[in-house]
Amino acid sequence: MGDKLDRFMHTLFSSAANYEPTAWQPRCDVYRSPRGWLLKFELAGVRPEDIQLSLAGSRLVLRGIRRDWTVEEGGNWYSMEISYNRFERSIELPAEIEHSDISSEFRDGMLLVCLKSTS
């Protein structure tokens, strides 16, 4: 059990080597409930139509893009700390989720993904 938990925590919080170096990974909180899983992704500045979710086995993959927009036309940037680009985040859960009921809600810059077990 300890090894399985260690692998889960490592997968959840480590940066994956197969991502593009310029890609950013949104932060994610993972909650377990009696009815399933809740994943909360931090996606400030991302439009809901620029988000894609997929399930495979015990893995949920979130992909998308955060686009830059200019506040005032003709202005030049002075300092930029926010990552704009494509992003991808893969979360491996310690349970089969491929056949779960999935629902999502975008609220205040957070994407809430609910996975309810169908069995």
N, C-alpha and C. Protein backbone atom coordinates (compact mmCIF):
# COMPACT_ATOMS: atom_id res chain seq x y z
N MET A 1 0.82 -1.19 0.00
CA MET A 1 0.00 0.00 0.00
C MET A 1 0.86 1.26 0.00
N GLY A 2 1.96 1.24 0.74
CA GLY A 2 2.85 2.39 0.82
C GLY A 2 3.45 2.74 -0.52
N ASP A 3 3.90 1.72 -1.29
CA ASP A 3 4.47 1.97 -2.60
C ASP A 3 3.45 2.57 -3.55
N LYS A 4 2.21 2.07 -3.50
CA LYS A 4 1.15 2.58 -4.37
C LYS A 4 0.86 4.05 -4.06
N LEU A 5 0.81 4.39 -2.76
CA LEU A 5 0.58 5.77 -2.36
C LEU A 5 1.76 6.66 -2.77
N ASP A 6 2.98 6.16 -2.59
CA ASP A 6 4.17 6.93 -3.00
C ASP A 6 4.14 7.22 -4.50
N ARG A 7 3.79 6.20 -5.31
CA ARG A 7 3.71 6.40 -6.77
C ARG A 7 2.63 7.42 -7.12
N PHE A 8 1.48 7.31 -6.44
CA PHE A 8 0.39 8.25 -6.69
C PHE A 8 0.82 9.68 -6.36
N MET A 9 1.44 9.89 -5.21
CA MET A 9 1.86 11.22 -4.81
C MET A 9 2.95 11.76 -5.75
N HIS A 10 3.87 10.90 -6.15
CA HIS A 10 4.92 11.32 -7.07
C HIS A 10 4.31 11.74 -8.40
N THR A 11 3.38 10.94 -8.93
CA THR A 11 2.73 11.26 -10.19
C THR A 11 1.93 12.54 -10.08
N LEU A 12 1.25 12.72 -8.98
CA LEU A 12 0.39 13.87 -8.80
C LEU A 12 1.17 15.17 -8.72
N PHE A 13 2.29 15.17 -8.00
CA PHE A 13 2.98 16.43 -7.72
C PHE A 13 4.29 16.64 -8.49
N SER A 14 4.72 15.68 -9.26
CA SER A 14 5.98 15.88 -9.99
C SER A 14 5.70 16.44 -11.38
N SER A 15 6.68 17.09 -11.94
CA SER A 15 6.52 17.57 -13.31
C SER A 15 6.95 16.44 -14.24
N ALA A 16 6.15 16.20 -15.25
CA ALA A 16 6.42 15.10 -16.17
C ALA A 16 7.45 15.53 -17.19
N ALA A 17 8.35 14.61 -17.53
CA ALA A 17 9.43 14.92 -18.45
C ALA A 17 8.97 14.99 -19.90
N ASN A 18 7.80 14.44 -20.23
CA ASN A 18 7.38 14.39 -21.63
C ASN A 18 6.62 15.63 -22.08
N TYR A 19 6.50 16.65 -21.26
CA TYR A 19 5.83 17.87 -21.67
C TYR A 19 6.80 18.79 -22.39
N GLU A 20 6.25 19.65 -23.25
CA GLU A 20 7.08 20.64 -23.91
C GLU A 20 7.67 21.56 -22.85
N PRO A 21 8.90 22.02 -23.04
CA PRO A 21 9.51 22.87 -22.03
C PRO A 21 8.75 24.18 -21.82
N THR A 22 8.04 24.67 -22.85
CA THR A 22 7.31 25.92 -22.73
C THR A 22 5.91 25.73 -22.17
N ALA A 23 5.45 24.49 -22.07
CA ALA A 23 4.10 24.23 -21.56
C ALA A 23 4.07 24.43 -20.06
N TRP A 24 2.96 24.90 -19.55
CA TRP A 24 2.80 25.05 -18.11
C TRP A 24 1.75 24.06 -17.63
N GLN A 25 1.82 23.76 -16.38
CA GLN A 25 0.90 22.79 -15.79
C GLN A 25 0.07 23.47 -14.71
N PRO A 26 -1.25 23.53 -14.92
CA PRO A 26 -2.09 24.14 -13.89
C PRO A 26 -2.03 23.35 -12.59
N ARG A 27 -2.13 24.05 -11.49
CA ARG A 27 -2.18 23.39 -10.18
C ARG A 27 -3.51 22.70 -10.01
N CYS A 28 -3.52 21.64 -9.21
CA CYS A 28 -4.74 20.84 -9.05
C CYS A 28 -4.85 20.33 -7.61
N ASP A 29 -6.05 20.45 -7.05
CA ASP A 29 -6.37 19.82 -5.78
C ASP A 29 -7.24 18.60 -6.08
N VAL A 30 -6.98 17.49 -5.40
CA VAL A 30 -7.74 16.26 -5.62
C VAL A 30 -8.42 15.87 -4.31
N TYR A 31 -9.73 15.65 -4.38
CA TYR A 31 -10.51 15.27 -3.21
C TYR A 31 -11.18 13.92 -3.47
N ARG A 32 -11.26 13.09 -2.46
CA ARG A 32 -11.97 11.81 -2.52
C ARG A 32 -13.22 11.93 -1.69
N SER A 33 -14.34 11.48 -2.24
CA SER A 33 -15.60 11.49 -1.49
C SER A 33 -16.24 10.12 -1.61
N PRO A 34 -17.27 9.83 -0.84
CA PRO A 34 -17.94 8.53 -0.95
C PRO A 34 -18.53 8.28 -2.35
N ARG A 35 -18.84 9.36 -3.08
CA ARG A 35 -19.44 9.20 -4.41
C ARG A 35 -18.43 9.20 -5.55
N GLY A 36 -17.18 9.54 -5.28
CA GLY A 36 -16.19 9.57 -6.36
C GLY A 36 -15.06 10.53 -6.07
N TRP A 37 -14.66 11.28 -7.09
CA TRP A 37 -13.50 12.17 -7.02
C TRP A 37 -13.90 13.57 -7.45
N LEU A 38 -13.25 14.57 -6.86
CA LEU A 38 -13.39 15.95 -7.29
C LEU A 38 -11.99 16.49 -7.53
N LEU A 39 -11.76 17.01 -8.72
CA LEU A 39 -10.48 17.62 -9.06
C LEU A 39 -10.74 19.10 -9.33
N LYS A 40 -9.95 19.95 -8.72
CA LYS A 40 -10.12 21.38 -8.84
C LYS A 40 -8.84 21.96 -9.45
N PHE A 41 -8.95 22.45 -10.70
CA PHE A 41 -7.81 22.99 -11.44
C PHE A 41 -7.83 24.52 -11.40
N GLU A 42 -6.68 25.11 -11.19
CA GLU A 42 -6.53 26.56 -11.19
C GLU A 42 -6.28 27.03 -12.63
N LEU A 43 -7.27 27.70 -13.23
CA LEU A 43 -7.18 28.08 -14.64
C LEU A 43 -7.56 29.54 -14.88
N ALA A 44 -7.05 30.44 -14.06
CA ALA A 44 -7.35 31.86 -14.25
C ALA A 44 -6.94 32.31 -15.65
N GLY A 45 -7.83 33.03 -16.31
CA GLY A 45 -7.53 33.56 -17.63
C GLY A 45 -7.74 32.60 -18.78
N VAL A 46 -8.19 31.39 -18.50
CA VAL A 46 -8.44 30.40 -19.55
C VAL A 46 -9.93 30.40 -19.86
N ARG A 47 -10.27 30.43 -21.14
CA ARG A 47 -11.69 30.38 -21.53
C ARG A 47 -12.16 28.93 -21.53
N PRO A 48 -13.37 28.68 -21.06
CA PRO A 48 -13.89 27.31 -21.02
C PRO A 48 -13.84 26.60 -22.37
N GLU A 49 -14.04 27.31 -23.46
CA GLU A 49 -14.00 26.68 -24.78
C GLU A 49 -12.58 26.28 -25.21
N ASP A 50 -11.56 26.70 -24.47
CA ASP A 50 -10.18 26.33 -24.77
C ASP A 50 -9.67 25.18 -23.91
N ILE A 51 -10.60 24.45 -23.27
CA ILE A 51 -10.24 23.35 -22.38
C ILE A 51 -10.74 22.03 -22.96
N GLN A 52 -9.91 20.98 -22.84
CA GLN A 52 -10.29 19.64 -23.29
C GLN A 52 -9.92 18.63 -22.19
N LEU A 53 -10.87 17.76 -21.85
CA LEU A 53 -10.66 16.71 -20.86
C LEU A 53 -10.76 15.35 -21.52
N SER A 54 -9.94 14.40 -21.08
CA SER A 54 -10.06 13.02 -21.57
C SER A 54 -9.75 12.06 -20.42
N LEU A 55 -10.38 10.89 -20.48
CA LEU A 55 -10.18 9.83 -19.48
C LEU A 55 -9.64 8.59 -20.17
N ALA A 56 -8.71 7.92 -19.52
CA ALA A 56 -8.19 6.64 -20.00
C ALA A 56 -7.70 5.84 -18.80
N GLY A 57 -8.37 4.74 -18.53
CA GLY A 57 -7.99 3.91 -17.39
C GLY A 57 -8.18 4.66 -16.09
N SER A 58 -7.08 4.92 -15.39
CA SER A 58 -7.13 5.67 -14.13
C SER A 58 -6.54 7.08 -14.28
N ARG A 59 -6.42 7.52 -15.52
CA ARG A 59 -5.77 8.81 -15.80
C ARG A 59 -6.76 9.81 -16.39
N LEU A 60 -6.75 11.03 -15.84
CA LEU A 60 -7.49 12.14 -16.40
C LEU A 60 -6.47 13.11 -16.98
N VAL A 61 -6.70 13.54 -18.22
CA VAL A 61 -5.78 14.48 -18.87
C VAL A 61 -6.55 15.76 -19.20
N LEU A 62 -6.00 16.88 -18.78
CA LEU A 62 -6.54 18.20 -19.07
C LEU A 62 -5.58 18.89 -20.02
N ARG A 63 -6.11 19.39 -21.12
CA ARG A 63 -5.31 20.12 -22.10
C ARG A 63 -6.02 21.42 -22.43
N GLY A 64 -5.26 22.39 -22.87
CA GLY A 64 -5.87 23.64 -23.27
C GLY A 64 -4.85 24.70 -23.60
N ILE A 65 -5.33 25.93 -23.65
CA ILE A 65 -4.44 27.06 -23.95
C ILE A 65 -4.92 28.29 -23.19
N ARG A 66 -3.97 29.02 -22.65
CA ARG A 66 -4.27 30.34 -22.07
C ARG A 66 -3.67 31.35 -23.03
N ARG A 67 -4.55 32.17 -23.57
CA ARG A 67 -4.15 33.16 -24.58
C ARG A 67 -3.88 34.51 -23.91
N ASP A 68 -2.91 35.21 -24.47
CA ASP A 68 -2.62 36.56 -24.01
C ASP A 68 -3.54 37.54 -24.72
N TRP A 69 -3.91 38.57 -24.04
CA TRP A 69 -4.68 39.64 -24.66
C TRP A 69 -4.13 40.96 -24.12
N THR A 70 -4.17 41.96 -24.95
CA THR A 70 -3.61 43.26 -24.60
C THR A 70 -4.69 44.13 -23.98
N VAL A 71 -4.35 44.78 -22.90
CA VAL A 71 -5.30 45.66 -22.23
C VAL A 71 -5.54 46.92 -23.06
N GLU A 72 -4.49 47.46 -23.63
CA GLU A 72 -4.60 48.68 -24.42
C GLU A 72 -3.85 48.49 -25.73
N GLU A 73 -4.52 48.77 -26.83
CA GLU A 73 -3.91 48.60 -28.15
C GLU A 73 -2.72 49.55 -28.30
N GLY A 74 -1.64 49.02 -28.87
CA GLY A 74 -0.45 49.82 -29.10
C GLY A 74 0.54 49.81 -27.94
N GLY A 75 0.17 49.19 -26.83
CA GLY A 75 1.07 49.14 -25.68
C GLY A 75 2.11 48.04 -25.84
N ASN A 76 3.23 48.19 -25.19
CA ASN A 76 4.29 47.19 -25.17
C ASN A 76 4.42 46.63 -23.76
N TRP A 77 4.83 45.39 -23.66
CA TRP A 77 4.98 44.79 -22.35
C TRP A 77 6.26 45.27 -21.69
N TYR A 78 6.21 45.41 -20.40
CA TYR A 78 7.35 45.82 -19.60
C TYR A 78 7.86 44.65 -18.77
N SER A 79 6.95 43.89 -18.20
CA SER A 79 7.28 42.73 -17.39
C SER A 79 6.18 41.70 -17.57
N MET A 80 6.54 40.45 -17.74
CA MET A 80 5.55 39.39 -17.92
C MET A 80 5.90 38.21 -17.02
N GLU A 81 5.00 37.86 -16.11
CA GLU A 81 5.22 36.74 -15.19
C GLU A 81 4.19 35.64 -15.37
N ILE A 82 3.10 35.93 -16.09
CA ILE A 82 2.04 34.95 -16.29
C ILE A 82 2.37 34.10 -17.51
N SER A 83 2.19 32.78 -17.39
CA SER A 83 2.45 31.86 -18.50
C SER A 83 1.26 31.84 -19.45
N TYR A 84 1.55 32.12 -20.72
CA TYR A 84 0.55 32.01 -21.77
C TYR A 84 1.07 30.98 -22.75
N ASN A 85 0.27 30.01 -23.05
CA ASN A 85 0.69 28.98 -23.98
C ASN A 85 -0.25 27.80 -23.81
N ARG A 86 0.07 26.76 -24.51
CA ARG A 86 -0.66 25.51 -24.33
C ARG A 86 -0.25 24.91 -22.99
N PHE A 87 -1.19 24.18 -22.40
CA PHE A 87 -0.88 23.50 -21.15
C PHE A 87 -1.43 22.08 -21.22
N GLU A 88 -0.86 21.25 -20.38
CA GLU A 88 -1.33 19.87 -20.23
C GLU A 88 -1.03 19.43 -18.82
N ARG A 89 -2.02 18.78 -18.22
CA ARG A 89 -1.84 18.23 -16.88
C ARG A 89 -2.49 16.86 -16.84
N SER A 90 -1.74 15.89 -16.40
CA SER A 90 -2.21 14.51 -16.30
C SER A 90 -2.26 14.12 -14.84
N ILE A 91 -3.42 13.60 -14.41
CA ILE A 91 -3.59 13.17 -13.03
C ILE A 91 -3.90 11.67 -13.04
N GLU A 92 -3.07 10.92 -12.36
CA GLU A 92 -3.26 9.47 -12.22
C GLU A 92 -3.92 9.21 -10.87
N LEU A 93 -5.13 8.65 -10.90
CA LEU A 93 -5.83 8.33 -9.67
C LEU A 93 -5.64 6.87 -9.32
N PRO A 94 -5.71 6.50 -8.05
CA PRO A 94 -5.48 5.11 -7.66
C PRO A 94 -6.71 4.22 -7.85
N ALA A 95 -7.54 4.55 -8.83
CA ALA A 95 -8.75 3.77 -9.10
C ALA A 95 -9.13 3.95 -10.57
N GLU A 96 -9.83 2.98 -11.11
CA GLU A 96 -10.33 3.05 -12.49
C GLU A 96 -11.37 4.17 -12.59
N ILE A 97 -11.19 5.07 -13.53
CA ILE A 97 -12.14 6.18 -13.71
C ILE A 97 -12.70 6.26 -15.11
N GLU A 98 -12.21 5.40 -16.00
CA GLU A 98 -12.58 5.48 -17.42
C GLU A 98 -14.09 5.41 -17.64
N HIS A 99 -14.81 4.66 -16.82
CA HIS A 99 -16.25 4.51 -17.01
C HIS A 99 -17.05 5.30 -15.97
N SER A 100 -16.46 6.36 -15.46
CA SER A 100 -17.13 7.21 -14.48
C SER A 100 -18.03 8.22 -15.19
N ASP A 101 -19.07 8.66 -14.48
CA ASP A 101 -19.84 9.80 -14.95
C ASP A 101 -18.99 11.03 -14.67
N ILE A 102 -18.80 11.86 -15.68
CA ILE A 102 -17.96 13.04 -15.52
C ILE A 102 -18.81 14.29 -15.73
N SER A 103 -18.62 15.24 -14.85
CA SER A 103 -19.25 16.55 -15.03
C SER A 103 -18.22 17.60 -14.67
N SER A 104 -18.38 18.78 -15.24
CA SER A 104 -17.43 19.85 -14.94
C SER A 104 -18.16 21.17 -14.83
N GLU A 105 -17.55 22.06 -14.09
CA GLU A 105 -18.10 23.40 -13.89
C GLU A 105 -16.93 24.36 -13.83
N PHE A 106 -17.04 25.48 -14.54
CA PHE A 106 -16.01 26.51 -14.53
C PHE A 106 -16.52 27.65 -13.67
N ARG A 107 -15.81 27.93 -12.56
CA ARG A 107 -16.27 28.94 -11.62
C ARG A 107 -15.09 29.76 -11.08
N ASP A 108 -15.14 31.06 -11.29
CA ASP A 108 -14.13 31.98 -10.73
C ASP A 108 -12.69 31.57 -11.04
N GLY A 109 -12.43 31.18 -12.27
CA GLY A 109 -11.08 30.80 -12.67
C GLY A 109 -10.67 29.40 -12.25
N MET A 110 -11.62 28.64 -11.72
CA MET A 110 -11.34 27.26 -11.30
C MET A 110 -12.20 26.31 -12.11
N LEU A 111 -11.61 25.23 -12.58
CA LEU A 111 -12.35 24.17 -13.25
C LEU A 111 -12.56 23.05 -12.24
N LEU A 112 -13.82 22.75 -11.96
CA LEU A 112 -14.17 21.66 -11.04
C LEU A 112 -14.61 20.47 -11.87
N VAL A 113 -13.91 19.34 -11.71
CA VAL A 113 -14.23 18.12 -12.44
C VAL A 113 -14.67 17.07 -11.43
N CYS A 114 -15.88 16.58 -11.61
CA CYS A 114 -16.45 15.59 -10.69
C CYS A 114 -16.54 14.25 -11.42
N LEU A 115 -15.95 13.22 -10.84
CA LEU A 115 -15.98 11.86 -11.40
C LEU A 115 -16.75 10.99 -10.43
N LYS A 116 -17.92 10.56 -10.86
CA LYS A 116 -18.77 9.72 -10.01
C LYS A 116 -18.72 8.29 -10.52
N SER A 117 -18.51 7.37 -9.63
CA SER A 117 -18.44 5.95 -9.99
C SER A 117 -19.80 5.48 -10.48
N THR A 118 -19.79 4.71 -11.57
CA THR A 118 -21.03 4.20 -12.13
C THR A 118 -21.37 2.83 -11.57
N SER A 119 -20.50 2.25 -10.80
CA SER A 119 -20.77 0.92 -10.24
C SER A 119 -21.14 0.96 -8.79
